[in-house]
Amino acid sequence: MPADSTPSVGGASSAPGDSMHRTVDAIASPTGLYTLDIGGFRVPAHAFDARDRIQALTGIEAWVVAASNGSAETHRVVLGIFSSQERAGAAAKTLLSTQTLSEASVVPLPKRSARQ
């Protein structure tokens, strides 16, 4: 990920020197659907570039969830739609163990209107 990436949400980032980020249990999703949060970017263009790269690499649809205007939040990149936390966690574990991703957190799937 580019230098402007940030740790995963929910405290999932690993300590410096760890070789792999951990996955964390997501909070309950009101829709029952989950996705993988795979990184955040301050610059929107970097988020869209990362989305395109990871989507091409994995063959799994990915989106950018834009930060609120004027906020200090980052633009999040999310990957896939999963029907349970367990399925999302298994996908994250596979993508991390094969070093396809360097970080992944299971999070509730954002509303369609929030995904780009």
Protein backbone atom coordinates (compact mmCIF):
# COMPACT_ATOMS: atom_id res chain seq x y z
CA MET A 1 0.00 0.00 0.00
CA PRO A 2 1.18 3.59 -0.60
CA ALA A 3 2.78 5.58 2.15
CA ASP A 4 -0.47 7.38 2.94
CA SER A 5 -2.25 4.19 3.99
CA THR A 6 -3.44 3.93 7.56
CA PRO A 7 -3.92 1.02 9.94
CA SER A 8 -7.09 -1.05 9.76
CA VAL A 9 -10.12 0.08 11.67
CA GLY A 10 -11.02 -1.49 14.96
CA GLY A 11 -7.48 -1.71 16.27
CA ALA A 12 -6.51 -4.35 13.74
CA SER A 13 -3.15 -2.92 12.86
CA SER A 14 -0.18 -4.88 14.01
CA ALA A 15 2.66 -3.58 16.10
CA PRO A 16 5.73 -2.33 14.24
CA GLY A 17 7.85 -5.22 13.10
CA ASP A 18 4.95 -7.68 12.81
CA SER A 19 4.94 -9.39 9.45
CA MET A 20 1.18 -9.50 9.06
CA HIS A 21 -1.84 -7.51 10.19
CA ARG A 22 -4.53 -9.38 12.07
CA THR A 23 -8.19 -9.62 11.26
CA VAL A 24 -10.71 -8.58 13.89
CA ASP A 25 -14.32 -9.47 14.51
CA ALA A 26 -16.69 -6.93 13.05
CA ILE A 27 -19.51 -5.32 14.88
CA ALA A 28 -22.87 -6.80 13.95
CA SER A 29 -24.10 -5.73 10.54
CA PRO A 30 -27.71 -4.54 10.34
CA THR A 31 -27.99 -6.18 6.89
CA GLY A 32 -26.08 -9.34 7.80
CA LEU A 33 -23.53 -8.58 5.08
CA TYR A 34 -19.82 -7.94 5.62
CA THR A 35 -16.80 -6.79 3.66
CA LEU A 36 -13.05 -6.53 4.19
CA ASP A 37 -11.60 -3.13 5.00
CA ILE A 38 -8.15 -3.32 3.42
CA GLY A 39 -6.77 0.17 3.94
CA GLY A 40 -7.29 3.90 4.09
CA PHE A 41 -5.90 6.77 2.05
CA ARG A 42 -5.87 10.51 2.59
CA VAL A 43 -5.71 11.18 -1.17
CA PRO A 44 -8.83 9.97 -3.02
CA ALA A 45 -6.90 9.14 -6.21
CA HIS A 46 -4.65 6.79 -4.22
CA ALA A 47 -7.71 5.01 -2.83
CA PHE A 48 -9.17 4.52 -6.30
CA ASP A 49 -5.81 3.29 -7.64
CA ALA A 50 -5.55 0.77 -4.79
CA ARG A 51 -9.14 -0.34 -5.38
CA ASP A 52 -8.42 -0.97 -9.05
CA ARG A 53 -5.17 -2.85 -8.32
CA ILE A 54 -6.63 -5.13 -5.66
CA GLN A 55 -9.74 -5.80 -7.73
CA ALA A 56 -7.57 -6.83 -10.71
CA LEU A 57 -5.33 -8.94 -8.47
CA THR A 58 -8.09 -10.82 -6.65
CA GLY A 59 -10.98 -10.80 -9.13
CA ILE A 60 -13.19 -9.66 -6.22
CA GLU A 61 -15.20 -6.47 -6.54
CA ALA A 62 -13.83 -3.61 -4.44
CA TRP A 63 -15.05 -0.12 -3.58
CA VAL A 64 -13.89 3.14 -2.09
CA VAL A 65 -15.90 4.51 0.83
CA ALA A 66 -15.22 8.24 0.73
CA ALA A 67 -14.43 10.20 3.86
CA SER A 68 -16.84 12.96 4.86
CA ASN A 69 -15.99 16.35 3.39
CA GLY A 70 -13.73 18.28 5.71
CA SER A 71 -13.17 15.38 8.09
CA ALA A 72 -9.85 13.93 9.19
CA GLU A 73 -11.04 10.44 8.20
CA THR A 74 -9.44 8.55 5.34
CA HIS A 75 -11.00 7.15 2.20
CA ARG A 76 -11.43 3.43 2.96
CA VAL A 77 -11.00 0.62 0.42
CA VAL A 78 -13.30 -2.36 0.98
CA LEU A 79 -13.25 -5.72 -0.79
CA GLY A 80 -16.03 -8.22 -1.44
CA ILE A 81 -19.46 -8.96 -0.02
CA PHE A 82 -19.76 -11.82 2.44
CA SER A 83 -22.87 -13.34 4.01
CA SER A 84 -21.32 -13.76 7.45
CA GLN A 85 -18.44 -12.62 9.63
CA GLU A 86 -17.05 -16.16 9.44
CA ARG A 87 -16.92 -16.17 5.62
CA ALA A 88 -15.35 -12.73 5.55
CA GLY A 89 -12.83 -13.79 8.18
CA ALA A 90 -11.91 -16.91 6.22
CA ALA A 91 -11.38 -14.84 3.07
CA ALA A 92 -9.24 -12.36 5.00
CA LYS A 93 -7.17 -15.17 6.47
CA THR A 94 -6.53 -16.64 3.02
CA LEU A 95 -5.66 -13.28 1.45
CA LEU A 96 -3.32 -12.45 4.34
CA SER A 97 -1.62 -15.87 4.44
CA THR A 98 -0.92 -15.75 0.70
CA GLN A 99 0.38 -12.20 1.16
CA THR A 100 -2.14 -10.89 -1.36
CA LEU A 101 -3.12 -8.32 1.28
CA SER A 102 -1.05 -6.79 4.06
CA GLU A 103 -4.07 -5.89 6.22
CA ALA A 104 -7.74 -6.75 6.39
CA SER A 105 -10.51 -6.15 8.90
CA VAL A 106 -14.01 -7.59 8.76
CA VAL A 107 -16.52 -4.73 8.81
CA PRO A 108 -20.23 -4.34 8.08
CA LEU A 109 -20.88 -3.70 4.38
CA PRO A 110 -21.47 0.05 3.87
CA LYS A 111 -24.66 1.15 2.17
CA ARG A 112 -24.55 0.98 -1.62
CA SER A 113 -24.82 4.78 -1.82
CA ALA A 114 -21.57 5.10 0.18
CA ARG A 115 -19.55 2.77 -2.08
CA GLN A 116 -17.77 4.01 -5.21
